[in-house]
mmCIF file of all heavy atoms, coordinates in Angstrom:
data_MODEL
# 
_entry.id   MODEL 
# 
loop_
_atom_site.group_PDB 
_atom_site.id 
_atom_site.type_symbol 
_atom_site.label_atom_id 
_atom_site.label_alt_id 
_atom_site.label_comp_id 
_atom_site.label_asym_id 
_atom_site.label_entity_id 
_atom_site.label_seq_id 
_atom_site.pdbx_PDB_ins_code 
_atom_site.Cartn_x 
_atom_site.Cartn_y 
_atom_site.Cartn_z 
_atom_site.occupancy 
_atom_site.B_iso_or_equiv 
_atom_site.pdbx_formal_charge 
_atom_site.auth_seq_id 
_atom_site.auth_comp_id 
_atom_site.auth_asym_id 
_atom_site.auth_atom_id 
_atom_site.pdbx_PDB_model_num 
ATOM 1   N N   . ALA A 1 1  ? -16.665 -5.903 -37.092 1.00 0.00 ? 1  ALA A N   1 
ATOM 2   C CA  . ALA A 1 1  ? -17.954 -6.301 -36.517 1.00 0.00 ? 1  ALA A CA  1 
ATOM 3   C C   . ALA A 1 1  ? -19.112 -5.587 -37.209 1.00 0.00 ? 1  ALA A C   1 
ATOM 4   O O   . ALA A 1 1  ? -20.233 -5.590 -36.693 1.00 0.00 ? 1  ALA A O   1 
ATOM 5   C CB  . ALA A 1 1  ? -17.966 -5.996 -35.022 1.00 0.00 ? 1  ALA A CB  1 
ATOM 6   N N   . ALA A 1 2  ? -18.834 -4.970 -38.373 1.00 0.00 ? 2  ALA A N   1 
ATOM 7   C CA  . ALA A 1 2  ? -19.836 -4.218 -39.130 1.00 0.00 ? 2  ALA A CA  1 
ATOM 8   C C   . ALA A 1 2  ? -20.397 -3.060 -38.314 1.00 0.00 ? 2  ALA A C   1 
ATOM 9   O O   . ALA A 1 2  ? -21.599 -2.779 -38.340 1.00 0.00 ? 2  ALA A O   1 
ATOM 10  C CB  . ALA A 1 2  ? -20.962 -5.138 -39.610 1.00 0.00 ? 2  ALA A CB  1 
ATOM 11  N N   . PHE A 1 3  ? -19.512 -2.399 -37.593 1.00 0.00 ? 3  PHE A N   1 
ATOM 12  C CA  . PHE A 1 3  ? -19.861 -1.269 -36.739 1.00 0.00 ? 3  PHE A CA  1 
ATOM 13  C C   . PHE A 1 3  ? -19.122 -0.030 -37.229 1.00 0.00 ? 3  PHE A C   1 
ATOM 14  O O   . PHE A 1 3  ? -18.074 -0.116 -37.876 1.00 0.00 ? 3  PHE A O   1 
ATOM 15  C CB  . PHE A 1 3  ? -19.425 -1.546 -35.294 1.00 0.00 ? 3  PHE A CB  1 
ATOM 16  C CG  . PHE A 1 3  ? -20.549 -1.893 -34.359 1.00 0.00 ? 3  PHE A CG  1 
ATOM 17  C CD1 . PHE A 1 3  ? -21.843 -2.084 -34.796 1.00 0.00 ? 3  PHE A CD1 1 
ATOM 18  C CD2 . PHE A 1 3  ? -20.292 -2.015 -33.005 1.00 0.00 ? 3  PHE A CD2 1 
ATOM 19  C CE1 . PHE A 1 3  ? -22.856 -2.406 -33.918 1.00 0.00 ? 3  PHE A CE1 1 
ATOM 20  C CE2 . PHE A 1 3  ? -21.298 -2.336 -32.107 1.00 0.00 ? 3  PHE A CE2 1 
ATOM 21  C CZ  . PHE A 1 3  ? -22.590 -2.528 -32.568 1.00 0.00 ? 3  PHE A CZ  1 
ATOM 22  N N   . GLU A 1 4  ? -19.654 1.135  -36.842 1.00 0.00 ? 4  GLU A N   1 
ATOM 23  C CA  . GLU A 1 4  ? -18.974 2.406  -37.091 1.00 0.00 ? 4  GLU A CA  1 
ATOM 24  C C   . GLU A 1 4  ? -19.050 3.253  -35.826 1.00 0.00 ? 4  GLU A C   1 
ATOM 25  O O   . GLU A 1 4  ? -19.998 3.145  -35.048 1.00 0.00 ? 4  GLU A O   1 
ATOM 26  C CB  . GLU A 1 4  ? -19.635 3.178  -38.222 1.00 0.00 ? 4  GLU A CB  1 
ATOM 27  C CG  . GLU A 1 4  ? -19.462 2.607  -39.603 1.00 0.00 ? 4  GLU A CG  1 
ATOM 28  C CD  . GLU A 1 4  ? -20.103 3.516  -40.634 1.00 0.00 ? 4  GLU A CD  1 
ATOM 29  O OE1 . GLU A 1 4  ? -19.417 4.476  -41.078 1.00 0.00 ? 4  GLU A OE1 1 
ATOM 30  O OE2 . GLU A 1 4  ? -21.282 3.291  -40.965 1.00 0.00 ? 4  GLU A OE2 1 
ATOM 31  N N   . GLY A 1 5  ? -18.050 4.112  -35.649 1.00 0.00 ? 5  GLY A N   1 
ATOM 32  C CA  . GLY A 1 5  ? -18.054 5.016  -34.509 1.00 0.00 ? 5  GLY A CA  1 
ATOM 33  C C   . GLY A 1 5  ? -17.536 6.384  -34.907 1.00 0.00 ? 5  GLY A C   1 
ATOM 34  O O   . GLY A 1 5  ? -17.053 6.597  -36.028 1.00 0.00 ? 5  GLY A O   1 
ATOM 35  N N   . ALA A 1 6  ? -17.643 7.322  -33.979 1.00 0.00 ? 6  ALA A N   1 
ATOM 36  C CA  . ALA A 1 6  ? -17.125 8.676  -34.162 1.00 0.00 ? 6  ALA A CA  1 
ATOM 37  C C   . ALA A 1 6  ? -16.076 8.940  -33.095 1.00 0.00 ? 6  ALA A C   1 
ATOM 38  O O   . ALA A 1 6  ? -16.155 8.407  -31.978 1.00 0.00 ? 6  ALA A O   1 
ATOM 39  C CB  . ALA A 1 6  ? -18.252 9.699  -34.066 1.00 0.00 ? 6  ALA A CB  1 
ATOM 40  N N   . ALA A 1 7  ? -15.094 9.782  -33.428 1.00 0.00 ? 7  ALA A N   1 
ATOM 41  C CA  . ALA A 1 7  ? -13.984 10.036 -32.518 1.00 0.00 ? 7  ALA A CA  1 
ATOM 42  C C   . ALA A 1 7  ? -13.963 11.495 -32.086 1.00 0.00 ? 7  ALA A C   1 
ATOM 43  O O   . ALA A 1 7  ? -14.415 12.391 -32.813 1.00 0.00 ? 7  ALA A O   1 
ATOM 44  C CB  . ALA A 1 7  ? -12.651 9.681  -33.197 1.00 0.00 ? 7  ALA A CB  1 
ATOM 45  N N   . LYS A 1 8  ? -13.417 11.717 -30.902 1.00 0.00 ? 8  LYS A N   1 
ATOM 46  C CA  . LYS A 1 8  ? -13.160 13.070 -30.412 1.00 0.00 ? 8  LYS A CA  1 
ATOM 47  C C   . LYS A 1 8  ? -11.924 13.034 -29.533 1.00 0.00 ? 8  LYS A C   1 
ATOM 48  O O   . LYS A 1 8  ? -11.582 11.985 -28.958 1.00 0.00 ? 8  LYS A O   1 
ATOM 49  C CB  . LYS A 1 8  ? -14.349 13.632 -29.630 1.00 0.00 ? 8  LYS A CB  1 
ATOM 50  C CG  . LYS A 1 8  ? -14.687 12.915 -28.323 1.00 0.00 ? 8  LYS A CG  1 
ATOM 51  C CD  . LYS A 1 8  ? -15.927 13.538 -27.687 1.00 0.00 ? 8  LYS A CD  1 
ATOM 52  C CE  . LYS A 1 8  ? -16.325 12.889 -26.370 1.00 0.00 ? 8  LYS A CE  1 
ATOM 53  N NZ  . LYS A 1 8  ? -15.430 13.246 -25.263 1.00 0.00 ? 8  LYS A NZ  1 
ATOM 54  N N   . THR A 1 9  ? -11.246 14.144 -29.449 1.00 0.00 ? 9  THR A N   1 
ATOM 55  C CA  . THR A 1 9  ? -10.176 14.235 -28.460 1.00 0.00 ? 9  THR A CA  1 
ATOM 56  C C   . THR A 1 9  ? -10.829 14.233 -27.081 1.00 0.00 ? 9  THR A C   1 
ATOM 57  O O   . THR A 1 9  ? -11.946 14.744 -26.911 1.00 0.00 ? 9  THR A O   1 
ATOM 58  C CB  . THR A 1 9  ? -9.356  15.515 -28.622 1.00 0.00 ? 9  THR A CB  1 
ATOM 59  O OG1 . THR A 1 9  ? -10.182 16.654 -28.317 1.00 0.00 ? 9  THR A OG1 1 
ATOM 60  C CG2 . THR A 1 9  ? -8.815  15.647 -30.031 1.00 0.00 ? 9  THR A CG2 1 
ATOM 61  N N   . SER A 1 10 ? -10.161 13.673 -26.106 1.00 0.00 ? 10 SER A N   1 
ATOM 62  C CA  . SER A 1 10 ? -10.717 13.684 -24.754 1.00 0.00 ? 10 SER A CA  1 
ATOM 63  C C   . SER A 1 10 ? -10.589 15.075 -24.127 1.00 0.00 ? 10 SER A C   1 
ATOM 64  O O   . SER A 1 10 ? -11.249 15.376 -23.133 1.00 0.00 ? 10 SER A O   1 
ATOM 65  C CB  . SER A 1 10 ? -9.999  12.657 -23.875 1.00 0.00 ? 10 SER A CB  1 
ATOM 66  O OG  . SER A 1 10 ? -8.664  13.067 -23.614 1.00 0.00 ? 10 SER A OG  1 
ATOM 67  N N   . GLY A 1 11 ? -9.725  15.896 -24.721 1.00 0.00 ? 11 GLY A N   1 
ATOM 68  C CA  . GLY A 1 11 ? -9.417  17.185 -24.124 1.00 0.00 ? 11 GLY A CA  1 
ATOM 69  C C   . GLY A 1 11 ? -8.285  17.087 -23.126 1.00 0.00 ? 11 GLY A C   1 
ATOM 70  O O   . GLY A 1 11 ? -7.789  18.107 -22.643 1.00 0.00 ? 11 GLY A O   1 
ATOM 71  N N   . ALA A 1 12 ? -7.851  15.868 -22.825 1.00 0.00 ? 12 ALA A N   1 
ATOM 72  C CA  . ALA A 1 12 ? -6.711  15.648 -21.942 1.00 0.00 ? 12 ALA A CA  1 
ATOM 73  C C   . ALA A 1 12 ? -5.572  15.087 -22.799 1.00 0.00 ? 12 ALA A C   1 
ATOM 74  O O   . ALA A 1 12 ? -4.975  15.812 -23.583 1.00 0.00 ? 12 ALA A O   1 
ATOM 75  C CB  . ALA A 1 12 ? -7.091  14.722 -20.792 1.00 0.00 ? 12 ALA A CB  1 
ATOM 76  N N   . LYS A 1 13 ? -5.330  13.769 -22.720 1.00 0.00 ? 13 LYS A N   1 
ATOM 77  C CA  . LYS A 1 13 ? -4.227  13.206 -23.493 1.00 0.00 ? 13 LYS A CA  1 
ATOM 78  C C   . LYS A 1 13 ? -4.660  12.106 -24.437 1.00 0.00 ? 13 LYS A C   1 
ATOM 79  O O   . LYS A 1 13 ? -3.840  11.559 -25.163 1.00 0.00 ? 13 LYS A O   1 
ATOM 80  C CB  . LYS A 1 13 ? -3.157  12.653 -22.543 1.00 0.00 ? 13 LYS A CB  1 
ATOM 81  C CG  . LYS A 1 13 ? -3.677  11.550 -21.604 1.00 0.00 ? 13 LYS A CG  1 
ATOM 82  C CD  . LYS A 1 13 ? -2.565  11.019 -20.697 1.00 0.00 ? 13 LYS A CD  1 
ATOM 83  C CE  . LYS A 1 13 ? -3.106  9.928  -19.757 1.00 0.00 ? 13 LYS A CE  1 
ATOM 84  N NZ  . LYS A 1 13 ? -2.046  9.313  -18.943 1.00 0.00 ? 13 LYS A NZ  1 
ATOM 85  N N   . GLY A 1 14 ? -5.958  11.761 -24.440 1.00 0.00 ? 14 GLY A N   1 
ATOM 86  C CA  . GLY A 1 14 ? -6.401  10.604 -25.191 1.00 0.00 ? 14 GLY A CA  1 
ATOM 87  C C   . GLY A 1 14 ? -7.483  10.885 -26.212 1.00 0.00 ? 14 GLY A C   1 
ATOM 88  O O   . GLY A 1 14 ? -7.724  12.023 -26.608 1.00 0.00 ? 14 GLY A O   1 
ATOM 89  N N   . VAL A 1 15 ? -8.112  9.799  -26.636 1.00 0.00 ? 15 VAL A N   1 
ATOM 90  C CA  . VAL A 1 15 ? -9.159  9.829  -27.651 1.00 0.00 ? 15 VAL A CA  1 
ATOM 91  C C   . VAL A 1 15 ? -10.342 9.006  -27.150 1.00 0.00 ? 15 VAL A C   1 
ATOM 92  O O   . VAL A 1 15 ? -10.159 7.971  -26.511 1.00 0.00 ? 15 VAL A O   1 
ATOM 93  C CB  . VAL A 1 15 ? -8.656  9.230  -28.989 1.00 0.00 ? 15 VAL A CB  1 
ATOM 94  C CG1 . VAL A 1 15 ? -9.771  9.168  -30.026 1.00 0.00 ? 15 VAL A CG1 1 
ATOM 95  C CG2 . VAL A 1 15 ? -7.471  10.030 -29.523 1.00 0.00 ? 15 VAL A CG2 1 
ATOM 96  N N   . HIS A 1 16 ? -11.554 9.481  -27.445 1.00 0.00 ? 16 HIS A N   1 
ATOM 97  C CA  . HIS A 1 16 ? -12.771 8.729  -27.160 1.00 0.00 ? 16 HIS A CA  1 
ATOM 98  C C   . HIS A 1 16 ? -13.416 8.308  -28.467 1.00 0.00 ? 16 HIS A C   1 
ATOM 99  O O   . HIS A 1 16 ? -13.520 9.116  -29.404 1.00 0.00 ? 16 HIS A O   1 
ATOM 100 C CB  . HIS A 1 16 ? -13.777 9.580  -26.378 1.00 0.00 ? 16 HIS A CB  1 
ATOM 101 C CG  . HIS A 1 16 ? -13.321 9.950  -25.007 1.00 0.00 ? 16 HIS A CG  1 
ATOM 102 N ND1 . HIS A 1 16 ? -13.763 11.074 -24.344 1.00 0.00 ? 16 HIS A ND1 1 
ATOM 103 C CD2 . HIS A 1 16 ? -12.461 9.331  -24.153 1.00 0.00 ? 16 HIS A CD2 1 
ATOM 104 C CE1 . HIS A 1 16 ? -13.206 11.140 -23.159 1.00 0.00 ? 16 HIS A CE1 1 
ATOM 105 N NE2 . HIS A 1 16 ? -12.403 10.093 -23.019 1.00 0.00 ? 16 HIS A NE2 1 
ATOM 106 N N   . VAL A 1 17 ? -13.874 7.067  -28.540 1.00 0.00 ? 17 VAL A N   1 
ATOM 107 C CA  . VAL A 1 17 ? -14.636 6.576  -29.682 1.00 0.00 ? 17 VAL A CA  1 
ATOM 108 C C   . VAL A 1 17 ? -16.036 6.212  -29.197 1.00 0.00 ? 17 VAL A C   1 
ATOM 109 O O   . VAL A 1 17 ? -16.186 5.415  -28.258 1.00 0.00 ? 17 VAL A O   1 
ATOM 110 C CB  . VAL A 1 17 ? -13.967 5.356  -30.336 1.00 0.00 ? 17 VAL A CB  1 
ATOM 111 C CG1 . VAL A 1 17 ? -14.821 4.840  -31.494 1.00 0.00 ? 17 VAL A CG1 1 
ATOM 112 C CG2 . VAL A 1 17 ? -12.562 5.712  -30.824 1.00 0.00 ? 17 VAL A CG2 1 
ATOM 113 N N   . PHE A 1 18 ? -17.065 6.807  -29.814 1.00 0.00 ? 18 PHE A N   1 
ATOM 114 C CA  . PHE A 1 18 ? -18.462 6.572  -29.459 1.00 0.00 ? 18 PHE A CA  1 
ATOM 115 C C   . PHE A 1 18 ? -19.145 5.779  -30.580 1.00 0.00 ? 18 PHE A C   1 
ATOM 116 O O   . PHE A 1 18 ? -18.978 6.111  -31.759 1.00 0.00 ? 18 PHE A O   1 
ATOM 117 C CB  . PHE A 1 18 ? -19.201 7.895  -29.287 1.00 0.00 ? 18 PHE A CB  1 
ATOM 118 C CG  . PHE A 1 18 ? -19.075 8.517  -27.919 1.00 0.00 ? 18 PHE A CG  1 
ATOM 119 C CD1 . PHE A 1 18 ? -17.836 8.850  -27.401 1.00 0.00 ? 18 PHE A CD1 1 
ATOM 120 C CD2 . PHE A 1 18 ? -20.208 8.780  -27.152 1.00 0.00 ? 18 PHE A CD2 1 
ATOM 121 C CE1 . PHE A 1 18 ? -17.714 9.437  -26.156 1.00 0.00 ? 18 PHE A CE1 1 
ATOM 122 C CE2 . PHE A 1 18 ? -20.100 9.358  -25.901 1.00 0.00 ? 18 PHE A CE2 1 
ATOM 123 C CZ  . PHE A 1 18 ? -18.858 9.689  -25.394 1.00 0.00 ? 18 PHE A CZ  1 
ATOM 124 N N   . VAL A 1 19 ? -19.931 4.784  -30.198 1.00 0.00 ? 19 VAL A N   1 
ATOM 125 C CA  . VAL A 1 19 ? -20.683 3.966  -31.150 1.00 0.00 ? 19 VAL A CA  1 
ATOM 126 C C   . VAL A 1 19 ? -22.161 4.033  -30.766 1.00 0.00 ? 19 VAL A C   1 
ATOM 127 O O   . VAL A 1 19 ? -22.549 3.511  -29.716 1.00 0.00 ? 19 VAL A O   1 
ATOM 128 C CB  . VAL A 1 19 ? -20.203 2.499  -31.128 1.00 0.00 ? 19 VAL A CB  1 
ATOM 129 C CG1 . VAL A 1 19 ? -20.948 1.688  -32.192 1.00 0.00 ? 19 VAL A CG1 1 
ATOM 130 C CG2 . VAL A 1 19 ? -18.698 2.409  -31.337 1.00 0.00 ? 19 VAL A CG2 1 
ATOM 131 N N   . PRO A 1 20 ? -23.005 4.688  -31.562 1.00 0.00 ? 20 PRO A N   1 
ATOM 132 C CA  . PRO A 1 20 ? -24.423 4.805  -31.203 1.00 0.00 ? 20 PRO A CA  1 
ATOM 133 C C   . PRO A 1 20 ? -25.167 3.480  -31.414 1.00 0.00 ? 20 PRO A C   1 
ATOM 134 O O   . PRO A 1 20 ? -24.990 2.814  -32.435 1.00 0.00 ? 20 PRO A O   1 
ATOM 135 C CB  . PRO A 1 20 ? -24.933 5.883  -32.158 1.00 0.00 ? 20 PRO A CB  1 
ATOM 136 C CG  . PRO A 1 20 ? -24.042 5.771  -33.351 1.00 0.00 ? 20 PRO A CG  1 
ATOM 137 C CD  . PRO A 1 20 ? -22.689 5.359  -32.842 1.00 0.00 ? 20 PRO A CD  1 
ATOM 138 N N   . ILE A 1 21 ? -25.992 3.121  -30.447 1.00 0.00 ? 21 ILE A N   1 
ATOM 139 C CA  . ILE A 1 21 ? -26.703 1.846  -30.467 1.00 0.00 ? 21 ILE A CA  1 
ATOM 140 C C   . ILE A 1 21 ? -28.192 2.087  -30.687 1.00 0.00 ? 21 ILE A C   1 
ATOM 141 O O   . ILE A 1 21 ? -28.817 2.843  -29.939 1.00 0.00 ? 21 ILE A O   1 
ATOM 142 C CB  . ILE A 1 21 ? -26.478 1.071  -29.151 1.00 0.00 ? 21 ILE A CB  1 
ATOM 143 C CG1 . ILE A 1 21 ? -24.981 0.849  -28.912 1.00 0.00 ? 21 ILE A CG1 1 
ATOM 144 C CG2 . ILE A 1 21 ? -27.220 -0.261 -29.172 1.00 0.00 ? 21 ILE A CG2 1 
ATOM 145 C CD1 . ILE A 1 21 ? -24.280 0.108  -30.022 1.00 0.00 ? 21 ILE A CD1 1 
ATOM 146 N N   . ALA A 1 22 ? -28.750 1.429  -31.673 1.00 0.00 ? 22 ALA A N   1 
ATOM 147 C CA  . ALA A 1 22 ? -30.165 1.595  -32.001 1.00 0.00 ? 22 ALA A CA  1 
ATOM 148 C C   . ALA A 1 22 ? -31.036 1.120  -30.842 1.00 0.00 ? 22 ALA A C   1 
ATOM 149 O O   . ALA A 1 22 ? -30.901 -0.024 -30.384 1.00 0.00 ? 22 ALA A O   1 
ATOM 150 C CB  . ALA A 1 22 ? -30.513 0.808  -33.268 1.00 0.00 ? 22 ALA A CB  1 
ATOM 151 N N   . GLY A 1 23 ? -31.895 2.012  -30.365 1.00 0.00 ? 23 GLY A N   1 
ATOM 152 C CA  . GLY A 1 23 ? -32.797 1.656  -29.283 1.00 0.00 ? 23 GLY A CA  1 
ATOM 153 C C   . GLY A 1 23 ? -32.116 1.518  -27.933 1.00 0.00 ? 23 GLY A C   1 
ATOM 154 O O   . GLY A 1 23 ? -32.749 1.133  -26.953 1.00 0.00 ? 23 GLY A O   1 
ATOM 155 N N   . GLY A 1 24 ? -30.823 1.830  -27.877 1.00 0.00 ? 24 GLY A N   1 
ATOM 156 C CA  . GLY A 1 24 ? -30.081 1.614  -26.642 1.00 0.00 ? 24 GLY A CA  1 
ATOM 157 C C   . GLY A 1 24 ? -29.853 0.127  -26.415 1.00 0.00 ? 24 GLY A C   1 
ATOM 158 O O   . GLY A 1 24 ? -30.321 -0.718 -27.179 1.00 0.00 ? 24 GLY A O   1 
# 
C-alpha cells in the first residue's frame, strides 16, 4: 500500500507495528 511502519516488542508476548499518519 506504499506504506512504512516501525516495530517494537510489546513487552509481553507480541509485536506492535506503528504507522505515522500525516496530519492525523
